[in-house]
Amino acid sequence: MSSLFRIIRLLLVGERRAFVQGMALSMAVLIMGVALLAVSGWFITAAAAAGMIGLGTLFNVFAPSAMVRFLALGRTVARYGERLTTHDATLRALSNLRVRLLSGVGTSPYRQIERLRASVFLNRVTSDVDALDGLALRLVLPGVAGLMVISLTALAVGLLVHPMISGVILVGYGIGPTLVFFWGQSRADAPSRKAQAGMQALRSRMIDLIASREELIAFGQVPEAKAGVQNAAQFHSKSLSEVERIERATGVWLDIMGWAVVAATLGIGVSLVQTGETTAARAAIGIFAALALSEAVAPVRRALSDIGRMRLAAKRIVPLIDRHSAPTEAVVRLGKPVLVAKGFSAASNSNAMPLFAPISFSVAPGETVALTGRSGCGKSTALLMAAGQGSPCVGDMQFGGKDIARVERELRAKLIAMVPQHHALVAGTIAENLRLAAPEATDADLWAVLQAVRLNETIALKGGLDAVLGFRGAGLSGGEGRRLVLARAVLRKPKLLLLDEPTEGLDAPLAKRVLEGIRFALPDAAILMAAHRPEEVGFADRVIAPSPSIRVG
């Protein structure tokens, strides 16, 4: 529950003023509803009593009539204002939560982001956050407002009618529904979580089915993939049916309690009138107020179907939004060299052995240094350390005289560009993909970087900068997509360019021309690359071949 309380705090604090107004309006709606029935009951009963004793012509009908009209219209206006205020505040709070979630994911280590499946991440940003949209609207605000109005009504009835009726209202509408809520919540929590997990599995499997349709067709696995989607749908439907069954049972108990309270207040009211302790009109106030308070406990039933999935979503989201980073440096002085590694080695994770023996090297402006070695020897991990995506397990990696991991993230993004092995393109135009690196770049700038990677003629034939790419850059070959990502990195005009096997998928003459074009476009940039091909090694000014780490034992 601590994760859920953390999310509640984030939502309410972020839009505090709007939610306070919404709470006040929610209470106003309930108070006016109770007052409307109570005044109406008193009015009808008092008018009947006055008529029976021959005082009907003297009974003032205008004041209570005006009060009934005021309460009826006021309740409608308050309900409109409450819905407008709370829904607007909730949408803004959820938008802020999504931004914070994306920021938290963005500060995760690269390897962790790389392992995060697109469908899983989509569920985090959409399904998990959407599961929390009713946290304020259907749980916190109506629950708190209902308890406060029940308490105020019980106090008013105790003063106007009799404390015994007040006690019945407190027990029947305060304690009783609370116990029912906790009983129902304990029963509905597990199936509600299963329903949420089933929905996420259904969405993930459907996304995977669509994204991998070509491979599934090629290997004849479409029936199995469809069966997985159907199984997830059936699991979700079964779990949801169980939640609805518990919700109906809870509703029955709440209805029984509501009618029991009304019956008890009616019996006590009749007894009080017979003993002369109160009048029939005053007794009617307590009876009709008890009848109206059933609206205050209605959210208990609606919240049951959501509480389990809310807790599950909060548990998954909180670790991401609460991610803390170490103190950072906002200023670096770039000189010669730009990047310095001292006795440096890297590991695939914090508990693993170093991938290679400690090495020392530097990369100066305008210089190209290549890291070579067998596949899996740690070249890509070394590049990630040079990009600030983690700290060396041994030694030190400095950028501009500062520990690279402590350089401010925004500053690193401005001064360092990296092209990993697995490039990423998004659905959209060529220009949109390139401007991810430099939103203010002109069309001339875009054509210049395309020329640098020898892609300008190909793009021109495909329709120019407005040519639209499909999902994951569909529409370009592997080599063309690789060069487009290289062009995007060049467009950033970084001081340090990190390239992981940049010419993979290119023929030898084209690979050489692309590397030359990158250097021509960035004459003063320091380039560090993981190299496998002779063209890449031959292009480097210096070559470093890390030795395998010596394992003891």
Protein backbone atom coordinates (compact mmCIF):
# COMPACT_ATOMS: atom_id res chain seq x y z
CA MET A 1 0.00 0.00 0.00
CA SER A 2 2.95 2.35 0.47
CA SER A 3 3.34 2.62 -3.32
CA LEU A 4 -0.33 3.53 -3.65
CA PHE A 5 -0.03 6.23 -0.97
CA ARG A 6 3.04 7.56 -2.78
CA ILE A 7 1.06 7.92 -6.01
CA ILE A 8 -1.86 9.53 -4.14
CA ARG A 9 0.52 12.08 -2.69
CA LEU A 10 2.05 12.83 -6.09
CA LEU A 11 -1.35 13.28 -7.74
CA LEU A 12 -2.87 15.44 -5.02
CA VAL A 13 0.17 17.61 -4.28
CA GLY A 14 0.76 18.34 -7.96
CA GLU A 15 -2.75 19.78 -8.37
CA ARG A 16 -3.46 20.68 -4.75
CA ARG A 17 -5.66 23.72 -5.35
CA ALA A 18 -7.87 22.03 -7.94
CA PHE A 19 -8.34 18.91 -5.82
CA VAL A 20 -9.19 20.99 -2.73
CA GLN A 21 -11.83 22.78 -4.79
CA GLY A 22 -13.05 19.43 -6.08
CA MET A 23 -13.26 18.07 -2.53
CA ALA A 24 -15.29 21.09 -1.42
CA LEU A 25 -17.65 20.71 -4.37
CA SER A 26 -17.98 16.95 -3.76
CA MET A 27 -18.99 17.66 -0.19
CA ALA A 28 -21.37 20.38 -1.36
CA VAL A 29 -23.09 17.93 -3.72
CA LEU A 30 -23.58 15.36 -0.96
CA ILE A 31 -24.64 17.93 1.65
CA MET A 32 -27.17 19.48 -0.72
CA GLY A 33 -28.51 16.03 -1.60
CA VAL A 34 -28.99 15.15 2.06
CA ALA A 35 -30.46 18.57 2.84
CA LEU A 36 -32.80 18.37 -0.16
CA LEU A 37 -34.40 15.11 0.99
CA ALA A 38 -34.37 16.13 4.66
CA VAL A 39 -36.04 19.49 3.99
CA SER A 40 -38.51 17.88 1.58
CA GLY A 41 -39.41 15.24 4.16
CA TRP A 42 -39.80 17.86 6.87
CA PHE A 43 -41.83 20.11 4.55
CA ILE A 44 -44.29 17.40 3.52
CA THR A 45 -44.70 16.03 7.04
CA ALA A 46 -45.03 19.47 8.64
CA ALA A 47 -47.54 20.60 6.01
CA ALA A 48 -49.62 17.45 6.54
CA ALA A 49 -49.54 17.89 10.30
CA ALA A 50 -50.57 21.55 9.98
CA GLY A 51 -53.48 20.59 7.71
CA MET A 52 -54.66 17.91 10.11
CA ILE A 53 -54.97 20.37 12.98
CA GLY A 54 -56.56 23.09 10.83
CA LEU A 55 -53.53 25.37 10.54
CA GLY A 56 -52.85 24.76 6.86
CA THR A 57 -53.64 28.34 5.86
CA LEU A 58 -51.15 29.67 8.40
CA PHE A 59 -48.30 27.34 7.39
CA ASN A 60 -45.52 29.17 5.54
CA VAL A 61 -44.90 27.15 2.37
CA PHE A 62 -42.79 29.74 0.56
CA ALA A 63 -39.56 29.46 2.60
CA PRO A 64 -39.25 25.65 2.44
CA SER A 65 -40.33 25.67 -1.23
CA ALA A 66 -37.59 28.16 -2.03
CA MET A 67 -35.11 26.09 -0.05
CA VAL A 68 -36.03 22.93 -2.00
CA ARG A 69 -35.59 24.73 -5.33
CA PHE A 70 -32.29 26.25 -4.22
CA LEU A 71 -30.91 22.90 -3.07
CA ALA A 72 -32.05 21.11 -6.25
CA LEU A 73 -30.49 23.69 -8.57
CA GLY A 74 -27.43 24.17 -6.35
CA ARG A 75 -26.76 20.44 -6.30
CA THR A 76 -26.81 20.34 -10.11
CA VAL A 77 -24.44 23.29 -10.41
CA ALA A 78 -22.11 21.89 -7.74
CA ARG A 79 -22.03 18.49 -9.46
CA TYR A 80 -21.11 20.13 -12.77
CA GLY A 81 -18.36 22.18 -11.12
CA GLU A 82 -17.05 19.14 -9.24
CA ARG A 83 -16.84 17.01 -12.39
CA LEU A 84 -15.20 19.79 -14.37
CA THR A 85 -12.66 20.61 -11.66
CA THR A 86 -11.69 17.10 -10.59
CA HIS A 87 -11.49 15.63 -14.10
CA ASP A 88 -9.36 18.51 -15.32
CA ALA A 89 -7.06 18.20 -12.30
CA THR A 90 -6.82 14.42 -12.75
CA LEU A 91 -5.90 14.69 -16.42
CA ARG A 92 -3.19 17.25 -15.63
CA ALA A 93 -1.88 15.15 -12.73
CA LEU A 94 -1.71 12.04 -14.92
CA SER A 95 0.11 13.99 -17.62
CA ASN A 96 2.68 15.08 -15.05
CA LEU A 97 2.95 11.48 -13.85
CA ARG A 98 3.62 10.25 -17.39
CA VAL A 99 6.33 12.87 -17.88
CA ARG A 100 7.91 11.88 -14.59
CA LEU A 101 7.70 8.21 -15.56
CA LEU A 102 9.36 8.85 -18.92
CA SER A 103 12.05 10.89 -17.19
CA GLY A 104 12.67 8.05 -14.74
CA VAL A 105 12.97 5.51 -17.54
CA GLY A 106 15.25 7.90 -19.43
CA THR A 107 17.69 8.00 -16.52
CA SER A 108 17.89 4.21 -16.37
CA PRO A 109 21.11 2.53 -17.49
CA TYR A 110 21.26 1.95 -21.24
CA ARG A 111 21.44 -1.83 -20.88
CA GLN A 112 18.27 -1.79 -18.80
CA ILE A 113 16.47 0.35 -21.37
CA GLU A 114 17.75 -1.92 -24.14
CA ARG A 115 16.22 -4.97 -22.43
CA LEU A 116 12.86 -3.24 -21.98
CA ARG A 117 10.46 -4.55 -24.61
CA ALA A 118 8.47 -1.91 -26.47
CA SER A 119 5.16 -3.56 -25.57
CA VAL A 120 6.09 -3.70 -21.87
CA PHE A 121 7.14 -0.06 -21.82
CA LEU A 122 3.94 0.94 -23.63
CA ASN A 123 1.95 -0.78 -20.88
CA ARG A 124 3.87 1.17 -18.24
CA VAL A 125 3.15 4.53 -19.88
CA THR A 126 -0.46 3.83 -20.85
CA SER A 127 -2.11 0.92 -19.05
CA ASP A 128 -0.43 1.38 -15.67
CA VAL A 129 -1.00 5.13 -15.63
CA ASP A 130 -4.56 4.73 -16.91
CA ALA A 131 -5.21 2.30 -14.05
CA LEU A 132 -4.50 5.17 -11.67
CA ASP A 133 -6.91 7.64 -13.28
CA GLY A 134 -9.66 6.66 -10.86
CA LEU A 135 -7.44 6.83 -7.79
CA ALA A 136 -8.47 10.39 -7.01
CA LEU A 137 -11.84 10.44 -8.78
CA ARG A 138 -13.33 7.15 -7.58
CA LEU A 139 -11.46 6.40 -4.38
CA VAL A 140 -9.84 9.29 -2.51
CA LEU A 141 -12.15 12.26 -3.18
CA PRO A 142 -15.54 10.48 -2.89
CA GLY A 143 -14.32 8.36 0.02
CA VAL A 144 -13.07 11.28 2.10
CA ALA A 145 -15.99 13.51 1.11
CA GLY A 146 -18.46 10.74 1.97
CA LEU A 147 -17.00 10.12 5.44
CA MET A 148 -16.97 13.84 6.23
CA VAL A 149 -20.56 14.36 5.07
CA ILE A 150 -21.74 11.29 7.00
CA SER A 151 -20.10 12.70 10.14
CA LEU A 152 -21.60 16.17 9.60
CA THR A 153 -25.03 14.70 8.89
CA ALA A 154 -24.89 12.56 12.01
CA LEU A 155 -23.96 15.65 14.05
CA ALA A 156 -26.79 17.71 12.55
CA VAL A 157 -29.35 14.93 13.06
CA GLY A 158 -28.18 14.50 16.65
CA LEU A 159 -28.77 18.21 17.30
CA LEU A 160 -32.05 18.55 15.37
CA VAL A 161 -33.71 15.18 16.00
CA HIS A 162 -32.15 12.78 18.53
CA PRO A 163 -28.67 11.37 19.32
CA MET A 164 -29.96 7.82 18.94
CA ILE A 165 -30.71 8.36 15.24
CA SER A 166 -27.32 10.02 14.91
CA GLY A 167 -25.65 6.92 16.31
CA VAL A 168 -27.50 4.65 13.90
CA ILE A 169 -26.33 6.78 10.96
CA LEU A 170 -22.71 6.73 12.15
CA VAL A 171 -22.67 2.96 12.63
CA GLY A 172 -24.70 2.11 9.54
CA TYR A 173 -23.03 4.48 7.09
CA GLY A 174 -19.64 5.07 8.69
CA ILE A 175 -18.44 1.84 10.28
CA GLY A 176 -20.52 -0.65 8.30
CA PRO A 177 -19.48 0.35 4.75
CA THR A 178 -15.87 0.65 5.89
CA LEU A 179 -15.91 -2.96 7.06
CA VAL A 180 -17.64 -4.02 3.84
CA PHE A 181 -15.00 -2.18 1.82
CA PHE A 182 -12.11 -3.95 3.53
CA TRP A 183 -13.89 -7.29 3.24
CA GLY A 184 -14.58 -6.77 -0.45
CA GLN A 185 -11.10 -5.38 -1.09
CA SER A 186 -9.47 -8.46 0.43
CA ARG A 187 -11.63 -10.66 -1.81
CA ALA A 188 -11.28 -8.56 -4.98
CA ASP A 189 -7.57 -7.71 -4.74
CA ALA A 190 -6.22 -10.93 -6.27
CA PRO A 191 -8.70 -11.21 -9.19
CA SER A 192 -8.36 -7.48 -9.85
CA ARG A 193 -4.59 -7.87 -10.12
CA LYS A 194 -5.06 -10.88 -12.37
CA ALA A 195 -7.44 -8.91 -14.59
CA GLN A 196 -4.88 -6.11 -14.91
CA ALA A 197 -2.09 -8.59 -15.64
CA GLY A 198 -4.30 -10.31 -18.20
CA MET A 199 -5.04 -7.02 -19.93
CA GLN A 200 -1.35 -6.14 -20.08
CA ALA A 201 -0.48 -9.61 -21.39
CA LEU A 202 -3.21 -9.26 -24.01
CA ARG A 203 -1.88 -5.89 -25.16
CA SER A 204 1.75 -7.03 -25.13
CA ARG A 205 1.02 -10.19 -27.09
CA MET A 206 -1.09 -8.31 -29.60
CA ILE A 207 1.67 -5.73 -30.12
CA ASP A 208 4.27 -8.50 -30.46
CA LEU A 209 2.03 -10.34 -32.93
CA ILE A 210 1.73 -7.27 -35.13
CA ALA A 211 5.38 -6.22 -34.82
CA SER A 212 6.70 -9.74 -35.54
CA ARG A 213 4.15 -10.73 -38.16
CA GLU A 214 6.74 -11.25 -40.91
CA GLU A 215 8.91 -13.57 -38.80
CA LEU A 216 5.86 -15.42 -37.47
CA ILE A 217 4.56 -16.01 -41.00
CA ALA A 218 7.99 -17.09 -42.23
CA PHE A 219 8.37 -19.71 -39.49
CA GLY A 220 4.72 -20.76 -39.40
CA GLN A 221 4.17 -19.57 -35.83
CA VAL A 222 1.09 -17.40 -36.41
CA PRO A 223 -1.38 -19.97 -34.93
CA GLU A 224 0.69 -20.24 -31.75
CA ALA A 225 0.90 -16.46 -31.45
CA LYS A 226 -2.86 -16.13 -31.97
CA ALA A 227 -3.45 -18.80 -29.34
CA GLY A 228 -1.33 -16.80 -26.89
CA VAL A 229 -3.46 -13.71 -27.54
CA GLN A 230 -6.67 -15.69 -27.07
CA ASN A 231 -5.42 -17.25 -23.83
CA ALA A 232 -4.60 -13.81 -22.45
CA ALA A 233 -8.06 -12.54 -23.46
CA GLN A 234 -9.77 -15.50 -21.76
CA PHE A 235 -7.69 -15.07 -18.61
CA HIS A 236 -8.58 -11.37 -18.47
CA SER A 237 -12.28 -12.07 -19.03
CA LYS A 238 -12.37 -14.77 -16.33
CA SER A 239 -10.61 -12.57 -13.77
CA LEU A 240 -12.86 -9.62 -14.60
CA SER A 241 -15.95 -11.77 -14.12
CA GLU A 242 -14.73 -12.72 -10.64
CA VAL A 243 -14.20 -9.05 -9.77
CA GLU A 244 -17.70 -8.19 -10.99
CA ARG A 245 -19.17 -11.02 -8.90
CA ILE A 246 -17.50 -9.67 -5.75
CA GLU A 247 -18.61 -6.16 -6.69
CA ARG A 248 -22.23 -7.30 -6.94
CA ALA A 249 -21.98 -9.07 -3.58
CA THR A 250 -20.59 -5.91 -2.03
CA GLY A 251 -23.41 -3.91 -3.57
CA VAL A 252 -25.97 -6.26 -2.03
CA TRP A 253 -24.43 -5.85 1.43
CA LEU A 254 -24.36 -2.07 1.05
CA ASP A 255 -28.02 -2.04 -0.04
CA ILE A 256 -28.96 -4.22 2.94
CA MET A 257 -27.11 -1.87 5.29
CA GLY A 258 -28.74 1.18 3.72
CA TRP A 259 -32.26 -0.18 4.08
CA ALA A 260 -31.45 -1.41 7.60
CA VAL A 261 -30.37 2.11 8.58
CA VAL A 262 -33.54 3.61 7.07
CA ALA A 263 -35.70 1.00 8.81
CA ALA A 264 -33.92 1.61 12.11
CA THR A 265 -34.29 5.39 11.87
CA LEU A 266 -37.95 4.96 10.94
CA GLY A 267 -38.59 2.71 13.92
CA ILE A 268 -36.70 5.00 16.31
CA GLY A 269 -38.45 8.05 14.84
CA VAL A 270 -41.91 6.53 15.33
CA SER A 271 -40.99 5.59 18.90
CA LEU A 272 -39.71 9.10 19.65
CA VAL A 273 -42.89 10.67 18.24
CA GLN A 274 -45.08 8.33 20.28
CA THR A 275 -43.20 9.19 23.48
CA GLY A 276 -43.35 12.89 22.65
CA GLU A 277 -39.58 13.35 22.55
CA THR A 278 -39.78 14.88 19.07
CA THR A 279 -42.30 15.86 16.43
CA ALA A 280 -43.18 13.88 13.32
CA ALA A 281 -41.68 16.60 11.11
CA ARG A 282 -38.35 16.50 12.94
CA ALA A 283 -38.31 12.69 12.87
CA ALA A 284 -38.80 12.89 9.10
CA ILE A 285 -35.55 14.88 8.87
CA GLY A 286 -33.57 11.96 10.30
CA ILE A 287 -35.37 9.35 8.20
CA PHE A 288 -34.95 11.15 4.88
CA ALA A 289 -31.36 12.15 5.69
CA ALA A 290 -30.55 8.47 6.28
CA LEU A 291 -32.18 7.63 2.94
CA ALA A 292 -30.11 10.26 1.12
CA LEU A 293 -26.79 9.12 2.61
CA SER A 294 -26.79 5.97 0.48
CA GLU A 295 -25.20 8.16 -2.22
CA ALA A 296 -22.23 8.82 0.06
CA VAL A 297 -21.27 5.13 0.28
CA ALA A 298 -21.79 4.31 -3.41
CA PRO A 299 -18.05 4.84 -4.23
CA VAL A 300 -17.19 1.84 -2.02
CA ARG A 301 -18.73 -0.49 -4.58
CA ARG A 302 -17.16 1.24 -7.60
CA ALA A 303 -13.69 1.34 -6.05
CA LEU A 304 -13.50 -2.40 -5.43
CA SER A 305 -12.98 -3.29 -9.08
CA ASP A 306 -10.08 -0.84 -9.33
CA ILE A 307 -8.17 -1.11 -6.07
CA GLY A 308 -6.23 -4.26 -7.01
CA ARG A 309 -5.05 -3.00 -10.38
CA MET A 310 -4.28 0.40 -8.87
CA ARG A 311 -1.99 -1.21 -6.30
CA LEU A 312 -0.31 -3.34 -8.96
CA ALA A 313 0.23 -0.33 -11.24
CA ALA A 314 1.55 1.82 -8.39
CA LYS A 315 3.97 -0.91 -7.33
CA ARG A 316 5.46 -1.00 -10.85
CA ILE A 317 5.55 2.75 -11.43
CA VAL A 318 6.93 4.06 -8.13
CA PRO A 319 10.45 2.55 -8.51
CA LEU A 320 10.78 4.35 -11.84
CA ILE A 321 9.53 7.78 -10.79
CA ASP A 322 11.55 7.69 -7.57
CA ARG A 323 14.81 6.95 -9.35
CA HIS A 324 17.55 9.15 -7.88
CA SER A 325 20.76 10.13 -9.61
CA ALA A 326 24.10 11.13 -8.15
CA PRO A 327 25.07 14.83 -7.96
CA THR A 328 26.19 16.10 -11.36
CA GLU A 329 28.56 18.68 -12.79
CA ALA A 330 26.96 21.41 -14.90
CA VAL A 331 30.22 22.72 -16.40
CA VAL A 332 33.13 20.95 -18.10
CA ARG A 333 36.23 22.42 -19.74
CA LEU A 334 36.98 20.71 -23.02
CA GLY A 335 40.63 20.76 -23.96
CA LYS A 336 43.19 18.28 -25.18
CA PRO A 337 42.33 15.49 -24.74
CA VAL A 338 38.51 15.41 -24.65
CA LEU A 339 38.22 11.90 -23.18
CA VAL A 340 40.70 10.25 -20.81
CA ALA A 341 40.59 6.67 -19.50
CA LYS A 342 42.92 5.82 -16.62
CA GLY A 343 43.38 2.16 -15.64
CA PHE A 344 39.88 1.63 -16.96
CA SER A 345 37.87 -1.59 -17.24
CA ALA A 346 34.17 -2.28 -17.52
CA ALA A 347 31.74 -5.01 -16.53
CA SER A 348 28.40 -6.03 -17.98
CA ASN A 349 26.77 -5.48 -14.57
CA SER A 350 27.75 -4.44 -11.07
CA ASN A 351 28.39 -8.00 -9.88
CA ALA A 352 30.29 -9.29 -12.91
CA MET A 353 34.03 -9.66 -13.42
CA PRO A 354 35.83 -7.01 -15.52
CA LEU A 355 35.51 -7.77 -19.23
CA PHE A 356 39.08 -6.81 -20.04
CA ALA A 357 42.34 -5.94 -18.33
CA PRO A 358 42.62 -2.27 -17.25
CA ILE A 359 43.62 0.07 -20.09
CA SER A 360 44.55 3.73 -20.33
CA PHE A 361 44.01 5.92 -23.38
CA SER A 362 42.90 9.38 -24.44
CA VAL A 363 41.05 10.86 -27.41
CA ALA A 364 41.90 14.38 -28.54
CA PRO A 365 39.83 16.74 -30.72
CA GLY A 366 40.05 15.68 -34.37
CA GLU A 367 41.43 12.25 -33.43
CA THR A 368 39.90 8.84 -34.12
CA VAL A 369 40.63 5.94 -31.76
CA ALA A 370 39.43 2.41 -32.47
CA LEU A 371 38.79 -0.32 -29.90
CA THR A 372 39.26 -3.75 -31.43
CA GLY A 373 38.95 -7.32 -30.24
CA ARG A 374 36.77 -10.38 -30.42
CA SER A 375 33.02 -10.13 -30.10
CA GLY A 376 31.96 -9.88 -26.46
CA CYS A 377 35.30 -8.58 -25.19
CA GLY A 378 33.73 -5.38 -23.83
CA LYS A 379 34.05 -2.82 -26.64
CA SER A 380 30.37 -1.84 -26.59
CA THR A 381 30.35 -1.67 -22.80
CA ALA A 382 33.42 0.59 -22.91
CA LEU A 383 31.56 2.94 -25.27
CA LEU A 384 28.60 3.02 -22.89
CA MET A 385 30.93 4.01 -20.05
CA ALA A 386 32.38 6.75 -22.27
CA ALA A 387 28.81 8.00 -22.82
CA GLY A 388 28.22 8.18 -19.07
CA GLN A 389 25.87 5.18 -19.02
CA GLY A 390 27.40 3.66 -15.92
CA SER A 391 30.65 3.81 -14.00
CA PRO A 392 33.81 1.79 -14.68
CA CYS A 393 34.28 -1.16 -12.36
CA VAL A 394 37.99 -0.34 -12.32
CA GLY A 395 39.77 2.96 -12.92
CA ASP A 396 38.42 6.27 -14.12
CA MET A 397 36.76 7.71 -17.24
CA GLN A 398 36.91 11.51 -17.55
CA PHE A 399 35.24 13.90 -19.99
CA GLY A 400 36.52 17.46 -19.97
CA GLY A 401 38.43 16.74 -16.78
CA LYS A 402 35.31 15.50 -14.93
CA ASP A 403 34.12 12.01 -14.06
CA ILE A 404 31.89 11.23 -17.05
CA ALA A 405 29.14 9.66 -14.92
CA ARG A 406 28.89 12.88 -12.88
CA VAL A 407 28.51 15.23 -15.85
CA GLU A 408 24.98 16.62 -16.05
CA ARG A 409 22.77 14.50 -18.30
CA GLU A 410 21.62 17.43 -20.44
CA LEU A 411 25.22 18.54 -20.92
CA ARG A 412 26.27 15.03 -21.94
CA ALA A 413 23.43 14.88 -24.44
CA LYS A 414 24.57 18.18 -25.94
CA LEU A 415 28.28 17.36 -26.20
CA ILE A 416 28.29 13.58 -26.73
CA ALA A 417 26.56 11.54 -29.42
CA MET A 418 26.52 7.76 -29.59
CA VAL A 419 25.43 5.37 -32.32
CA PRO A 420 24.94 1.91 -30.72
CA GLN A 421 24.92 -1.40 -32.57
CA HIS A 422 21.15 -1.57 -32.71
CA HIS A 423 19.98 1.67 -34.22
CA ALA A 424 16.55 3.14 -33.56
CA LEU A 425 14.30 4.86 -36.09
CA VAL A 426 10.73 5.95 -35.52
CA ALA A 427 7.67 5.99 -37.73
CA GLY A 428 7.61 9.39 -39.41
CA THR A 429 9.37 11.39 -42.08
CA ILE A 430 13.10 11.43 -42.76
CA ALA A 431 13.19 15.02 -41.49
CA GLU A 432 11.43 14.10 -38.24
CA ASN A 433 13.90 11.29 -37.59
CA LEU A 434 16.87 13.59 -38.18
CA ARG A 435 15.48 16.49 -36.16
CA LEU A 436 15.34 14.31 -33.06
CA ALA A 437 19.00 15.32 -32.72
CA ALA A 438 18.55 19.00 -33.61
CA PRO A 439 14.96 20.31 -33.68
CA GLU A 440 16.07 23.71 -35.05
CA ALA A 441 18.04 22.28 -37.99
CA THR A 442 17.18 23.65 -41.44
CA ASP A 443 16.52 21.55 -44.51
CA ALA A 444 19.98 22.55 -45.77
CA ASP A 445 21.50 21.15 -42.57
CA LEU A 446 19.64 17.89 -43.08
CA TRP A 447 20.79 17.49 -46.66
CA ALA A 448 24.37 18.27 -45.59
CA VAL A 449 24.49 15.40 -43.07
CA LEU A 450 22.81 13.06 -45.56
CA GLN A 451 25.56 13.99 -48.00
CA ALA A 452 28.17 13.26 -45.33
CA VAL A 453 26.97 9.65 -45.01
CA ARG A 454 26.36 9.30 -48.75
CA LEU A 455 22.61 8.93 -48.34
CA ASN A 456 21.39 12.10 -50.06
CA GLU A 457 20.77 10.52 -53.48
CA THR A 458 18.91 7.57 -52.00
CA ILE A 459 16.64 9.83 -49.93
CA ALA A 460 15.99 12.08 -52.92
CA LEU A 461 14.78 9.06 -54.92
CA LYS A 462 12.49 8.00 -52.06
CA GLY A 463 10.72 11.36 -51.93
CA GLY A 464 13.12 13.64 -50.10
CA LEU A 465 12.96 14.78 -46.50
CA ASP A 466 9.19 14.30 -46.41
CA ALA A 467 9.42 10.60 -47.29
CA VAL A 468 7.57 8.64 -44.61
CA LEU A 469 9.13 5.68 -42.82
CA GLY A 470 7.08 2.92 -41.25
CA PHE A 471 7.37 1.21 -37.89
CA ARG A 472 11.03 1.00 -36.78
CA GLY A 473 12.16 2.73 -39.97
CA ALA A 474 10.44 0.38 -42.39
CA GLY A 475 11.10 1.58 -45.93
CA LEU A 476 14.88 1.67 -45.61
CA SER A 477 17.30 -1.21 -45.93
CA GLY A 478 19.52 -2.13 -42.99
CA GLY A 479 22.49 -0.22 -44.41
CA GLU A 480 20.36 2.81 -45.29
CA GLY A 481 18.85 2.88 -41.81
CA ARG A 482 22.34 2.64 -40.33
CA ARG A 483 23.53 5.62 -42.34
CA LEU A 484 20.44 7.65 -41.42
CA VAL A 485 21.24 7.11 -37.73
CA LEU A 486 24.86 8.14 -38.38
CA ALA A 487 23.60 11.29 -40.11
CA ARG A 488 21.44 12.07 -37.09
CA ALA A 489 24.46 11.79 -34.78
CA VAL A 490 26.51 14.07 -37.08
CA LEU A 491 23.67 16.62 -37.05
CA ARG A 492 24.11 16.99 -33.28
CA LYS A 493 27.68 18.29 -33.95
CA PRO A 494 29.08 16.60 -30.83
CA LYS A 495 32.45 17.16 -29.28
CA LEU A 496 32.73 13.40 -28.68
CA LEU A 497 31.28 10.90 -31.15
CA LEU A 498 30.98 7.26 -30.05
CA LEU A 499 30.41 4.71 -32.81
CA ASP A 500 29.71 1.01 -32.29
CA GLU A 501 30.59 -0.83 -35.52
CA PRO A 502 29.37 2.13 -37.61
CA THR A 503 29.74 0.56 -41.08
CA GLU A 504 28.01 -2.75 -40.36
CA GLY A 505 25.99 -3.75 -43.43
CA LEU A 506 27.91 -1.50 -45.85
CA ASP A 507 30.22 -2.66 -48.61
CA ALA A 508 33.92 -1.78 -48.24
CA PRO A 509 34.11 1.20 -50.66
CA LEU A 510 30.92 2.74 -49.23
CA ALA A 511 32.09 2.16 -45.65
CA LYS A 512 35.29 4.06 -46.35
CA ARG A 513 33.42 6.97 -47.98
CA VAL A 514 30.95 7.17 -45.08
CA LEU A 515 33.74 7.35 -42.49
CA GLU A 516 35.52 10.01 -44.52
CA GLY A 517 32.27 11.98 -44.81
CA ILE A 518 31.73 11.86 -41.05
CA ARG A 519 35.23 13.15 -40.38
CA PHE A 520 34.81 15.90 -43.00
CA ALA A 521 31.54 17.01 -41.37
CA LEU A 522 33.07 16.89 -37.86
CA PRO A 523 36.73 17.87 -38.29
CA ASP A 524 37.24 18.78 -34.62
CA ALA A 525 35.24 16.00 -32.98
CA ALA A 526 36.94 13.30 -30.94
CA ILE A 527 35.80 9.91 -32.27
CA LEU A 528 35.97 6.66 -30.31
CA MET A 529 34.64 3.59 -32.06
CA ALA A 530 34.33 -0.13 -31.57
CA ALA A 531 35.79 -1.56 -34.76
CA HIS A 532 35.60 -4.98 -36.39
CA ARG A 533 36.07 -4.29 -40.08
CA PRO A 534 39.41 -3.45 -41.74
CA GLU A 535 37.90 -0.23 -43.12
CA GLU A 536 37.12 0.97 -39.60
CA VAL A 537 40.52 -0.04 -38.20
CA GLY A 538 42.32 1.57 -41.13
CA PHE A 539 40.41 4.82 -40.66
CA ALA A 540 41.55 5.19 -37.02
CA ASP A 541 44.57 7.24 -35.97
CA ARG A 542 45.23 4.82 -33.12
CA VAL A 543 44.08 1.30 -32.36
CA ILE A 544 43.62 -0.13 -28.87
CA ALA A 545 43.09 -3.85 -28.35
CA PRO A 546 42.01 -4.59 -24.76
CA SER A 547 43.43 -7.79 -23.33
CA PRO A 548 41.08 -10.35 -21.77
CA SER A 549 40.62 -10.00 -18.02
CA ILE A 550 42.57 -12.54 -15.97
CA ARG A 551 40.17 -14.65 -13.91
CA VAL A 552 41.45 -16.18 -10.71
CA GLY A 553 40.11 -19.50 -9.45
